[in-house]
PDB file of all heavy atoms in Angstrom:
ATOM      1  N   PRO A   1     -17.295  35.747 109.279  1.00  0.00           N
ATOM      2  CA  PRO A   1     -17.890  35.734 110.617  1.00  0.00           C
ATOM      3  C   PRO A   1     -17.055  36.453 111.655  1.00  0.00           C
ATOM      4  O   PRO A   1     -17.578  36.854 112.692  1.00  0.00           O
ATOM      5  CB  PRO A   1     -18.016  34.252 110.924  1.00  0.00           C
ATOM      6  CG  PRO A   1     -17.028  33.581 110.049  1.00  0.00           C
ATOM      7  CD  PRO A   1     -16.937  34.398 108.799  1.00  0.00           C
ATOM      8  N   LYS A   2     -15.777  36.625 111.415  1.00  0.00           N
ATOM      9  CA  LYS A   2     -14.933  37.313 112.388  1.00  0.00           C
ATOM     10  C   LYS A   2     -15.117  38.823 112.321  1.00  0.00           C
ATOM     11  O   LYS A   2     -15.264  39.497 113.337  1.00  0.00           O
ATOM     12  CB  LYS A   2     -13.471  36.947 112.163  1.00  0.00           C
ATOM     13  CG  LYS A   2     -13.144  35.485 112.424  1.00  0.00           C
ATOM     14  CD  LYS A   2     -11.666  35.228 112.207  1.00  0.00           C
ATOM     15  CE  LYS A   2     -11.320  33.763 112.485  1.00  0.00           C
ATOM     16  NZ  LYS A   2      -9.878  33.513 112.281  1.00  0.00           N
ATOM     17  N   THR A   3     -15.074  39.365 111.079  1.00  0.00           N
ATOM     18  CA  THR A   3     -15.157  40.824 110.911  1.00  0.00           C
ATOM     19  C   THR A   3     -16.546  41.292 110.514  1.00  0.00           C
ATOM     20  O   THR A   3     -16.819  42.498 110.484  1.00  0.00           O
ATOM     21  CB  THR A   3     -14.158  41.263 109.844  1.00  0.00           C
ATOM     22  OG1 THR A   3     -14.503  40.623 108.583  1.00  0.00           O
ATOM     23  CG2 THR A   3     -12.744  40.867 110.225  1.00  0.00           C
ATOM     24  N   ASN A   4     -17.418  40.342 110.157  1.00  0.00           N
ATOM     25  CA  ASN A   4     -18.782  40.668 109.725  1.00  0.00           C
ATOM     26  C   ASN A   4     -18.768  41.569 108.486  1.00  0.00           C
ATOM     27  O   ASN A   4     -19.607  42.442 108.320  1.00  0.00           O
ATOM     28  CB  ASN A   4     -19.570  41.330 110.855  1.00  0.00           C
ATOM     29  CG  ASN A   4     -21.079  41.211 110.631  1.00  0.00           C
ATOM     30  OD1 ASN A   4     -21.544  40.284 109.964  1.00  0.00           O
ATOM     31  ND2 ASN A   4     -21.826  42.149 111.163  1.00  0.00           N
ATOM     32  N   THR A   5     -17.768  41.363 107.620  1.00  0.00           N
ATOM     33  CA  THR A   5     -17.658  42.112 106.371  1.00  0.00           C
ATOM     34  C   THR A   5     -17.703  41.141 105.205  1.00  0.00           C
ATOM     35  O   THR A   5     -17.496  39.932 105.361  1.00  0.00           O
ATOM     36  CB  THR A   5     -16.337  42.904 106.344  1.00  0.00           C
ATOM     37  OG1 THR A   5     -15.246  41.971 106.446  1.00  0.00           O
ATOM     38  CG2 THR A   5     -16.274  43.920 107.463  1.00  0.00           C
ATOM     39  N   TYR A   6     -18.005  41.693 104.041  1.00  0.00           N
ATOM     40  CA  TYR A   6     -18.100  40.862 102.846  1.00  0.00           C
ATOM     41  C   TYR A   6     -16.712  40.454 102.384  1.00  0.00           C
ATOM     42  O   TYR A   6     -15.747  41.191 102.491  1.00  0.00           O
ATOM     43  CB  TYR A   6     -18.804  41.609 101.717  1.00  0.00           C
ATOM     44  CG  TYR A   6     -20.291  41.747 101.928  1.00  0.00           C
ATOM     45  CD1 TYR A   6     -20.834  42.934 102.397  1.00  0.00           C
ATOM     46  CD2 TYR A   6     -21.145  40.671 101.661  1.00  0.00           C
ATOM     47  CE1 TYR A   6     -22.192  43.058 102.599  1.00  0.00           C
ATOM     48  CE2 TYR A   6     -22.508  40.791 101.859  1.00  0.00           C
ATOM     49  CZ  TYR A   6     -23.023  41.987 102.332  1.00  0.00           C
ATOM     50  OH  TYR A   6     -24.378  42.107 102.544  1.00  0.00           O
ATOM     51  N   THR A   7     -16.636  39.258 101.840  1.00  0.00           N
ATOM     52  CA  THR A   7     -15.388  38.725 101.313  1.00  0.00           C
ATOM     53  C   THR A   7     -15.698  37.832 100.126  1.00  0.00           C
ATOM     54  O   THR A   7     -16.826  37.342  99.972  1.00  0.00           O
ATOM     55  CB  THR A   7     -14.641  37.909 102.387  1.00  0.00           C
ATOM     56  OG1 THR A   7     -13.449  37.402 101.820  1.00  0.00           O
ATOM     57  CG2 THR A   7     -15.488  36.751 102.896  1.00  0.00           C
ATOM     58  N   ASN A   8     -14.708  37.636  99.284  1.00  0.00           N
ATOM     59  CA  ASN A   8     -14.885  36.780  98.108  1.00  0.00           C
ATOM     60  C   ASN A   8     -14.179  35.438  98.254  1.00  0.00           C
ATOM     61  O   ASN A   8     -13.997  34.716  97.278  1.00  0.00           O
ATOM     62  CB  ASN A   8     -14.362  37.497  96.863  1.00  0.00           C
ATOM     63  CG  ASN A   8     -15.246  38.666  96.477  1.00  0.00           C
ATOM     64  OD1 ASN A   8     -16.460  38.588  96.586  1.00  0.00           O
ATOM     65  ND2 ASN A   8     -14.630  39.762  96.027  1.00  0.00           N
ATOM     66  N   THR A   9     -13.786  35.110  99.444  1.00  0.00           N
ATOM     67  CA  THR A   9     -13.063  33.861  99.697  1.00  0.00           C
ATOM     68  C   THR A   9     -14.047  32.736  99.995  1.00  0.00           C
ATOM     69  O   THR A   9     -15.012  32.919 100.753  1.00  0.00           O
ATOM     70  CB  THR A   9     -12.086  34.033 100.877  1.00  0.00           C
ATOM     71  OG1 THR A   9     -11.223  35.129 100.605  1.00  0.00           O
ATOM     72  CG2 THR A   9     -11.271  32.760 101.076  1.00  0.00           C
ATOM     73  N   ASN A  10     -13.789  31.561  99.414  1.00  0.00           N
ATOM     74  CA  ASN A  10     -14.651  30.403  99.697  1.00  0.00           C
ATOM     75  C   ASN A  10     -14.525  29.999 101.160  1.00  0.00           C
ATOM     76  O   ASN A  10     -13.424  30.006 101.723  1.00  0.00           O
ATOM     77  CB  ASN A  10     -14.269  29.227  98.810  1.00  0.00           C
ATOM     78  CG  ASN A  10     -14.443  29.540  97.333  1.00  0.00           C
ATOM     79  OD1 ASN A  10     -15.209  30.437  96.972  1.00  0.00           O
ATOM     80  ND2 ASN A  10     -13.715  28.819  96.487  1.00  0.00           N
ATOM     81  N   SER A  11     -15.661  29.622 101.759  1.00  0.00           N
ATOM     82  CA  SER A  11     -15.660  29.311 103.188  1.00  0.00           C
ATOM     83  C   SER A  11     -16.589  28.138 103.490  1.00  0.00           C
ATOM     84  O   SER A  11     -17.474  27.791 102.701  1.00  0.00           O
ATOM     85  CB  SER A  11     -16.098  30.534 104.007  1.00  0.00           C
ATOM     86  OG  SER A  11     -17.435  30.882 103.678  1.00  0.00           O
ATOM     87  N   PHE A  12     -16.358  27.564 104.646  1.00  0.00           N
ATOM     88  CA  PHE A  12     -17.203  26.488 105.186  1.00  0.00           C
ATOM     89  C   PHE A  12     -17.752  26.928 106.538  1.00  0.00           C
ATOM     90  O   PHE A  12     -17.012  27.463 107.368  1.00  0.00           O
ATOM     91  CB  PHE A  12     -16.391  25.200 105.368  1.00  0.00           C
ATOM     92  CG  PHE A  12     -17.144  24.126 106.095  1.00  0.00           C
ATOM     93  CD1 PHE A  12     -18.064  23.326 105.438  1.00  0.00           C
ATOM     94  CD2 PHE A  12     -16.946  23.928 107.464  1.00  0.00           C
ATOM     95  CE1 PHE A  12     -18.754  22.332 106.110  1.00  0.00           C
ATOM     96  CE2 PHE A  12     -17.647  22.942 108.134  1.00  0.00           C
ATOM     97  CZ  PHE A  12     -18.551  22.146 107.465  1.00  0.00           C
ATOM     98  N   SER A  13     -19.035  26.730 106.740  1.00  0.00           N
ATOM     99  CA  SER A  13     -19.662  27.106 108.013  1.00  0.00           C
ATOM    100  C   SER A  13     -20.556  25.979 108.496  1.00  0.00           C
ATOM    101  O   SER A  13     -21.162  25.257 107.713  1.00  0.00           O
ATOM    102  CB  SER A  13     -20.484  28.389 107.868  1.00  0.00           C
ATOM    103  OG  SER A  13     -21.512  28.219 106.909  1.00  0.00           O
ATOM    104  N   ASN A  14     -20.651  25.856 109.818  1.00  0.00           N
ATOM    105  CA  ASN A  14     -21.403  24.780 110.457  1.00  0.00           C
ATOM    106  C   ASN A  14     -22.097  25.367 111.691  1.00  0.00           C
ATOM    107  O   ASN A  14     -21.434  25.970 112.548  1.00  0.00           O
ATOM    108  CB  ASN A  14     -20.453  23.658 110.847  1.00  0.00           C
ATOM    109  CG  ASN A  14     -21.153  22.454 111.457  1.00  0.00           C
ATOM    110  OD1 ASN A  14     -20.566  21.739 112.232  1.00  0.00           O
ATOM    111  ND2 ASN A  14     -22.408  22.227 111.118  1.00  0.00           N
ATOM    112  N   GLY A  15     -23.453  25.197 111.772  1.00  0.00           N
ATOM    113  CA  GLY A  15     -24.198  25.776 112.892  1.00  0.00           C
ATOM    114  C   GLY A  15     -24.966  24.729 113.677  1.00  0.00           C
ATOM    115  O   GLY A  15     -25.375  23.689 113.143  1.00  0.00           O
ATOM    116  N   TYR A  16     -25.185  24.999 114.974  1.00  0.00           N
ATOM    117  CA  TYR A  16     -25.920  24.119 115.877  1.00  0.00           C
ATOM    118  C   TYR A  16     -26.903  24.965 116.672  1.00  0.00           C
ATOM    119  O   TYR A  16     -26.505  25.993 117.251  1.00  0.00           O
ATOM    120  CB  TYR A  16     -24.967  23.391 116.832  1.00  0.00           C
ATOM    121  CG  TYR A  16     -23.929  22.558 116.118  1.00  0.00           C
ATOM    122  CD1 TYR A  16     -22.699  23.109 115.760  1.00  0.00           C
ATOM    123  CD2 TYR A  16     -24.186  21.233 115.802  1.00  0.00           C
ATOM    124  CE1 TYR A  16     -21.748  22.345 115.101  1.00  0.00           C
ATOM    125  CE2 TYR A  16     -23.235  20.459 115.143  1.00  0.00           C
ATOM    126  CZ  TYR A  16     -22.027  21.025 114.797  1.00  0.00           C
ATOM    127  OH  TYR A  16     -21.089  20.265 114.141  1.00  0.00           O
ATOM    128  N   ASN A  17     -28.171  24.560 116.703  1.00  0.00           N
ATOM    129  CA  ASN A  17     -29.186  25.359 117.388  1.00  0.00           C
ATOM    130  C   ASN A  17     -30.170  24.446 118.115  1.00  0.00           C
ATOM    131  O   ASN A  17     -30.490  23.345 117.651  1.00  0.00           O
ATOM    132  CB  ASN A  17     -29.959  26.219 116.396  1.00  0.00           C
ATOM    133  CG  ASN A  17     -29.093  27.246 115.705  1.00  0.00           C
ATOM    134  OD1 ASN A  17     -28.809  28.315 116.246  1.00  0.00           O
ATOM    135  ND2 ASN A  17     -28.650  26.921 114.486  1.00  0.00           N
ATOM    136  N   ILE A  18     -30.645  24.909 119.242  1.00  0.00           N
ATOM    137  CA  ILE A  18     -31.738  24.289 119.999  1.00  0.00           C
ATOM    138  C   ILE A  18     -32.798  25.361 120.204  1.00  0.00           C
ATOM    139  O   ILE A  18     -32.501  26.452 120.705  1.00  0.00           O
ATOM    140  CB  ILE A  18     -31.258  23.740 121.352  1.00  0.00           C
ATOM    141  CG1 ILE A  18     -30.229  22.622 121.142  1.00  0.00           C
ATOM    142  CG2 ILE A  18     -32.438  23.206 122.151  1.00  0.00           C
ATOM    143  CD1 ILE A  18     -29.672  22.070 122.433  1.00  0.00           C
ATOM    144  N   GLU A  19     -34.026  25.064 119.809  1.00  0.00           N
ATOM    145  CA  GLU A  19     -35.118  26.039 119.882  1.00  0.00           C
ATOM    146  C   GLU A  19     -36.311  25.440 120.615  1.00  0.00           C
ATOM    147  O   GLU A  19     -36.567  24.234 120.524  1.00  0.00           O
ATOM    148  CB  GLU A  19     -35.548  26.474 118.482  1.00  0.00           C
ATOM    149  CG  GLU A  19     -34.450  27.153 117.687  1.00  0.00           C
ATOM    150  CD  GLU A  19     -34.874  27.485 116.275  1.00  0.00           C
ATOM    151  OE1 GLU A  19     -35.916  26.959 115.811  1.00  0.00           O
ATOM    152  OE2 GLU A  19     -34.166  28.272 115.625  1.00  0.00           O
ATOM    153  N   SER A  20     -37.032  26.291 121.308  1.00  0.00           N
ATOM    154  CA  SER A  20     -38.231  25.880 122.040  1.00  0.00           C
ATOM    155  C   SER A  20     -39.278  26.986 121.940  1.00  0.00           C
ATOM    156  O   SER A  20     -38.930  28.174 121.900  1.00  0.00           O
ATOM    157  CB  SER A  20     -37.909  25.589 123.512  1.00  0.00           C
ATOM    158  OG  SER A  20     -39.079  25.236 124.218  1.00  0.00           O
ATOM    159  N   SER A  21     -40.537  26.570 121.885  1.00  0.00           N
ATOM    160  CA  SER A  21     -41.636  27.535 121.838  1.00  0.00           C
ATOM    161  C   SER A  21     -42.793  27.015 122.673  1.00  0.00           C
ATOM    162  O   SER A  21     -42.998  25.789 122.783  1.00  0.00           O
ATOM    163  CB  SER A  21     -42.093  27.784 120.401  1.00  0.00           C
ATOM    164  OG  SER A  21     -42.621  26.606 119.829  1.00  0.00           O
ATOM    165  N   LEU A  22     -43.545  27.931 123.254  1.00  0.00           N
ATOM    166  CA  LEU A  22     -44.676  27.591 124.106  1.00  0.00           C
ATOM    167  C   LEU A  22     -45.806  28.565 123.824  1.00  0.00           C
ATOM    168  O   LEU A  22     -45.615  29.786 123.894  1.00  0.00           O
ATOM    169  CB  LEU A  22     -44.283  27.653 125.586  1.00  0.00           C
ATOM    170  CG  LEU A  22     -45.412  27.430 126.601  1.00  0.00           C
ATOM    171  CD1 LEU A  22     -45.986  26.024 126.446  1.00  0.00           C
ATOM    172  CD2 LEU A  22     -44.919  27.660 128.022  1.00  0.00           C
ATOM    173  N   LEU A  23     -46.971  27.989 123.501  1.00  0.00           N
ATOM    174  CA  LEU A  23     -48.150  28.819 123.260  1.00  0.00           C
ATOM    175  C   LEU A  23     -48.731  29.256 124.597  1.00  0.00           C
ATOM    176  O   LEU A  23     -49.163  28.434 125.403  1.00  0.00           O
ATOM    177  CB  LEU A  23     -49.189  28.024 122.465  1.00  0.00           C
ATOM    178  CG  LEU A  23     -50.480  28.754 122.129  1.00  0.00           C
ATOM    179  CD1 LEU A  23     -50.220  29.951 121.218  1.00  0.00           C
ATOM    180  CD2 LEU A  23     -51.485  27.792 121.487  1.00  0.00           C
ATOM    181  N   LEU A  24     -48.730  30.574 124.820  1.00  0.00           N
ATOM    182  CA  LEU A  24     -49.238  31.104 126.083  1.00  0.00           C
ATOM    183  C   LEU A  24     -50.728  31.411 126.027  1.00  0.00           C
ATOM    184  O   LEU A  24     -51.435  31.201 127.007  1.00  0.00           O
ATOM    185  CB  LEU A  24     -48.457  32.373 126.457  1.00  0.00           C
ATOM    186  CG  LEU A  24     -46.951  32.185 126.697  1.00  0.00           C
ATOM    187  CD1 LEU A  24     -46.313  33.529 127.036  1.00  0.00           C
ATOM    188  CD2 LEU A  24     -46.694  31.173 127.797  1.00  0.00           C
ATOM    189  N   PHE A  25     -51.197  31.897 124.889  1.00  0.00           N
ATOM    190  CA  PHE A  25     -52.605  32.288 124.808  1.00  0.00           C
ATOM    191  C   PHE A  25     -53.051  32.249 123.347  1.00  0.00           C
ATOM    192  O   PHE A  25     -52.347  32.728 122.458  1.00  0.00           O
ATOM    193  CB  PHE A  25     -52.803  33.702 125.371  1.00  0.00           C
ATOM    194  CG  PHE A  25     -54.233  34.184 125.307  1.00  0.00           C
ATOM    195  CD1 PHE A  25     -55.163  33.726 126.213  1.00  0.00           C
ATOM    196  CD2 PHE A  25     -54.636  35.075 124.321  1.00  0.00           C
ATOM    197  CE1 PHE A  25     -56.486  34.150 126.149  1.00  0.00           C
ATOM    198  CE2 PHE A  25     -55.960  35.509 124.262  1.00  0.00           C
ATOM    199  CZ  PHE A  25     -56.879  35.048 125.183  1.00  0.00           C
ATOM    200  N   ASP A  26     -54.204  31.611 123.107  1.00  0.00           N
ATOM    201  CA  ASP A  26     -54.803  31.609 121.765  1.00  0.00           C
ATOM    202  C   ASP A  26     -56.316  31.731 121.837  1.00  0.00           C
ATOM    203  O   ASP A  26     -57.047  31.140 121.039  1.00  0.00           O
ATOM    204  CB  ASP A  26     -54.422  30.334 121.020  1.00  0.00           C
ATOM    205  CG  ASP A  26     -54.959  29.076 121.680  1.00  0.00           C
ATOM    206  OD1 ASP A  26     -55.397  29.155 122.843  1.00  0.00           O
ATOM    207  OD2 ASP A  26     -54.937  28.009 121.035  1.00  0.00           O
ATOM    208  N   GLY A  27     -56.769  32.529 122.824  1.00  0.00           N
ATOM    209  CA  GLY A  27     -58.211  32.670 123.002  1.00  0.00           C
ATOM    210  C   GLY A  27     -58.860  31.441 123.602  1.00  0.00           C
ATOM    211  O   GLY A  27     -60.063  31.232 123.425  1.00  0.00           O
ATOM    212  N   LEU A  28     -58.071  30.591 124.273  1.00  0.00           N
ATOM    213  CA  LEU A  28     -58.531  29.335 124.901  1.00  0.00           C
ATOM    214  C   LEU A  28     -58.993  28.301 123.878  1.00  0.00           C
ATOM    215  O   LEU A  28     -59.650  27.315 124.252  1.00  0.00           O
ATOM    216  CB  LEU A  28     -59.670  29.611 125.906  1.00  0.00           C
ATOM    217  CG  LEU A  28     -59.339  30.568 127.057  1.00  0.00           C
ATOM    218  CD1 LEU A  28     -60.560  30.723 127.964  1.00  0.00           C
ATOM    219  CD2 LEU A  28     -58.141  30.081 127.845  1.00  0.00           C
ATOM    220  N   SER A  29     -58.634  28.498 122.607  1.00  0.00           N
ATOM    221  CA  SER A  29     -59.040  27.516 121.590  1.00  0.00           C
ATOM    222  C   SER A  29     -58.449  26.142 121.884  1.00  0.00           C
ATOM    223  O   SER A  29     -59.129  25.108 121.768  1.00  0.00           O
ATOM    224  CB  SER A  29     -58.598  27.986 120.206  1.00  0.00           C
ATOM    225  OG  SER A  29     -59.318  29.128 119.809  1.00  0.00           O
ATOM    226  N   SER A  30     -57.184  26.098 122.264  1.00  0.00           N
ATOM    227  CA  SER A  30     -56.544  24.805 122.542  1.00  0.00           C
ATOM    228  C   SER A  30     -57.155  24.123 123.757  1.00  0.00           C
ATOM    229  O   SER A  30     -57.300  22.893 123.795  1.00  0.00           O
ATOM    230  CB  SER A  30     -55.040  25.010 122.760  1.00  0.00           C
ATOM    231  OG  SER A  30     -54.429  25.532 121.606  1.00  0.00           O
ATOM    232  N   ILE A  31     -57.530  24.926 124.750  1.00  0.00           N
ATOM    233  CA  ILE A  31     -58.157  24.356 125.957  1.00  0.00           C
ATOM    234  C   ILE A  31     -59.479  23.695 125.598  1.00  0.00           C
ATOM    235  O   ILE A  31     -59.779  22.560 126.022  1.00  0.00           O
ATOM    236  CB  ILE A  31     -58.359  25.447 127.023  1.00  0.00           C
ATOM    237  CG1 ILE A  31     -57.006  26.020 127.472  1.00  0.00           C
ATOM    238  CG2 ILE A  31     -59.119  24.882 128.222  1.00  0.00           C
ATOM    239  CD1 ILE A  31     -56.109  25.036 128.157  1.00  0.00           C
ATOM    240  N   TYR A  32     -60.289  24.383 124.795  1.00  0.00           N
ATOM    241  CA  TYR A  32     -61.593  23.824 124.431  1.00  0.00           C
ATOM    242  C   TYR A  32     -61.452  22.636 123.479  1.00  0.00           C
ATOM    243  O   TYR A  32     -62.262  21.705 123.526  1.00  0.00           O
ATOM    244  CB  TYR A  32     -62.467  24.904 123.813  1.00  0.00           C
ATOM    245  CG  TYR A  32     -62.975  25.909 124.827  1.00  0.00           C
ATOM    246  CD1 TYR A  32     -62.699  27.269 124.690  1.00  0.00           C
ATOM    247  CD2 TYR A  32     -63.725  25.502 125.919  1.00  0.00           C
ATOM    248  CE1 TYR A  32     -63.166  28.198 125.624  1.00  0.00           C
ATOM    249  CE2 TYR A  32     -64.190  26.417 126.857  1.00  0.00           C
ATOM    250  CZ  TYR A  32     -63.900  27.759 126.700  1.00  0.00           C
ATOM    251  OH  TYR A  32     -64.359  28.669 127.631  1.00  0.00           O
ATOM    252  N   ARG A  33     -60.433  22.683 122.620  1.00  0.00           N
ATOM    253  CA  ARG A  33     -60.188  21.505 121.774  1.00  0.00           C
ATOM    254  C   ARG A  33     -59.767  20.309 122.619  1.00  0.00           C
ATOM    255  O   ARG A  33     -60.127  19.171 122.332  1.00  0.00           O
ATOM    256  CB  ARG A  33     -59.118  21.827 120.730  1.00  0.00           C
ATOM    257  CG  ARG A  33     -59.619  22.629 119.543  1.00  0.00           C
ATOM    258  CD  ARG A  33     -58.635  22.569 118.388  1.00  0.00           C
ATOM    259  NE  ARG A  33     -57.345  23.157 118.731  1.00  0.00           N
ATOM    260  CZ  ARG A  33     -57.027  24.423 118.546  1.00  0.00           C
ATOM    261  NH1 ARG A  33     -57.917  25.272 118.037  1.00  0.00           N
ATOM    262  NH2 ARG A  33     -55.830  24.884 118.873  1.00  0.00           N
ATOM    263  N   LEU A  34     -59.008  20.578 123.669  1.00  0.00           N
ATOM    264  CA  LEU A  34     -58.636  19.494 124.585  1.00  0.00           C
ATOM    265  C   LEU A  34     -59.864  18.905 125.260  1.00  0.00           C
ATOM    266  O   LEU A  34     -60.001  17.678 125.366  1.00  0.00           O
ATOM    267  CB  LEU A  34     -57.655  20.030 125.633  1.00  0.00           C
ATOM    268  CG  LEU A  34     -57.285  19.078 126.774  1.00  0.00           C
ATOM    269  CD1 LEU A  34     -56.571  17.848 126.232  1.00  0.00           C
ATOM    270  CD2 LEU A  34     -56.422  19.785 127.810  1.00  0.00           C
ATOM    271  N   ARG A  35     -60.750  19.760 125.699  1.00  0.00           N
ATOM    272  CA  ARG A  35     -61.974  19.266 126.340  1.00  0.00           C
ATOM    273  C   ARG A  35     -62.835  18.482 125.354  1.00  0.00           C
ATOM    274  O   ARG A  35     -63.417  17.439 125.715  1.00  0.00           O
ATOM    275  CB  ARG A  35     -62.758  20.441 126.925  1.00  0.00           C
ATOM    276  CG  ARG A  35     -62.049  21.143 128.082  1.00  0.00           C
ATOM    277  CD  ARG A  35     -62.873  22.306 128.603  1.00  0.00           C
ATOM    278  NE  ARG A  35     -62.208  22.976 129.730  1.00  0.00           N
ATOM    279  CZ  ARG A  35     -62.693  24.048 130.347  1.00  0.00           C
ATOM    280  NH1 ARG A  35     -63.850  24.568 129.944  1.00  0.00           N
ATOM    281  NH2 ARG A  35     -62.027  24.583 131.371  1.00  0.00           N
ATOM    282  N   SER A  36     -62.915  18.972 124.130  1.00  0.00           N
ATOM    283  CA  SER A  36     -63.686  18.242 123.120  1.00  0.00           C
ATOM    284  C   SER A  36     -63.064  16.875 122.843  1.00  0.00           C
ATOM    285  O   SER A  36     -63.781  15.867 122.706  1.00  0.00           O
ATOM    286  CB  SER A  36     -63.748  19.060 121.832  1.00  0.00           C
ATOM    287  OG  SER A  36     -64.412  18.352 120.806  1.00  0.00           O
ATOM    288  N   SER A  37     -61.735  16.815 122.772  1.00  0.00           N
ATOM    289  CA  SER A  37     -61.064  15.530 122.545  1.00  0.00           C
ATOM    290  C   SER A  37     -61.282  14.581 123.714  1.00  0.00           C
ATOM    291  O   SER A  37     -61.398  13.365 123.518  1.00  0.00           O
ATOM    292  CB  SER A  37     -59.568  15.752 122.326  1.00  0.00           C
ATOM    293  OG  SER A  37     -59.337  16.562 121.197  1.00  0.00           O
ATOM    294  N   ARG A  38     -61.349  15.131 124.918  1.00  0.00           N
ATOM    295  CA  ARG A  38     -61.614  14.279 126.077  1.00  0.00           C
ATOM    296  C   ARG A  38     -63.016  13.680 125.994  1.00  0.00           C
ATOM    297  O   ARG A  38     -63.225  12.500 126.325  1.00  0.00           O
ATOM    298  CB  ARG A  38     -61.458  15.100 127.357  1.00  0.00           C
ATOM    299  CG  ARG A  38     -61.656  14.298 128.640  1.00  0.00           C
ATOM    300  CD  ARG A  38     -61.407  15.175 129.848  1.00  0.00           C
ATOM    301  NE  ARG A  38     -62.291  16.342 129.844  1.00  0.00           N
ATOM    302  CZ  ARG A  38     -62.169  17.389 130.649  1.00  0.00           C
ATOM    303  NH1 ARG A  38     -61.169  17.427 131.515  1.00  0.00           N
ATOM    304  NH2 ARG A  38     -63.008  18.391 130.578  1.00  0.00           N
ATOM    305  N   GLU A  39     -63.992  14.483 125.546  1.00  0.00           N
ATOM    306  CA  GLU A  39     -65.346  13.949 125.372  1.00  0.00           C
ATOM    307  C   GLU A  39     -65.360  12.894 124.276  1.00  0.00           C
ATOM    308  O   GLU A  39     -66.039  11.864 124.403  1.00  0.00           O
ATOM    309  CB  GLU A  39     -66.314  15.082 125.023  1.00  0.00           C
ATOM    310  CG  GLU A  39     -66.314  16.257 125.990  1.00  0.00           C
ATOM    311  CD  GLU A  39     -66.753  15.891 127.383  1.00  0.00           C
ATOM    312  OE1 GLU A  39     -67.301  14.794 127.561  1.00  0.00           O
ATOM    313  OE2 GLU A  39     -66.562  16.705 128.308  1.00  0.00           O
ATOM    314  N   GLU A  40     -64.602  13.131 123.196  1.00  0.00           N
ATOM    315  CA  GLU A  40     -64.553  12.148 122.116  1.00  0.00           C
ATOM    316  C   GLU A  40     -63.907  10.850 122.585  1.00  0.00           C
ATOM    317  O   GLU A  40     -64.294   9.762 122.136  1.00  0.00           O
ATOM    318  CB  GLU A  40     -63.765  12.725 120.934  1.00  0.00           C
ATOM    319  CG  GLU A  40     -64.438  13.903 120.239  1.00  0.00           C
ATOM    320  CD  GLU A  40     -65.734  13.514 119.566  1.00  0.00           C
ATOM    321  OE1 GLU A  40     -65.872  12.335 119.166  1.00  0.00           O
ATOM    322  OE2 GLU A  40     -66.622  14.382 119.438  1.00  0.00           O
ATOM    323  N   GLN A  41     -62.944  10.949 123.480  1.00  0.00           N
ATOM    324  CA  GLN A  41     -62.347   9.737 124.032  1.00  0.00           C
ATOM    325  C   GLN A  41     -63.382   8.936 124.814  1.00  0.00           C
ATOM    326  O   GLN A  41     -63.470   7.705 124.674  1.00  0.00           O
ATOM    327  CB  GLN A  41     -61.170  10.102 124.927  1.00  0.00           C
ATOM    328  CG  GLN A  41     -60.468   8.892 125.530  1.00  0.00           C
ATOM    329  CD  GLN A  41     -59.466   9.273 126.610  1.00  0.00           C
ATOM    330  OE1 GLN A  41     -59.664  10.249 127.321  1.00  0.00           O
ATOM    331  NE2 GLN A  41     -58.391   8.508 126.736  1.00  0.00           N
ATOM    332  N   GLN A  42     -64.186   9.615 125.610  1.00  0.00           N
ATOM    333  CA  GLN A  42     -65.237   8.925 126.352  1.00  0.00           C
ATOM    334  C   GLN A  42     -66.311   8.376 125.415  1.00  0.00           C
ATOM    335  O   GLN A  42     -66.873   7.307 125.662  1.00  0.00           O
ATOM    336  CB  GLN A  42     -65.847   9.878 127.378  1.00  0.00           C
ATOM    337  CG  GLN A  42     -64.862  10.327 128.456  1.00  0.00           C
ATOM    338  CD  GLN A  42     -65.505  11.261 129.463  1.00  0.00           C
ATOM    339  OE1 GLN A  42     -66.701  11.461 129.458  1.00  0.00           O
ATOM    340  NE2 GLN A  42     -64.684  11.845 130.323  1.00  0.00           N
TER     341      GLN A  42
END
């Protein structure tokens, strides 16, 4: 990881990540599914 070159030495690595995603547009399918679910709730 320091030189970004190949090596034959045994190593230990540990990673930490936080990821987030947000659907911006899907043809309004999610919006209409939400409306349908609201009708089903009623």
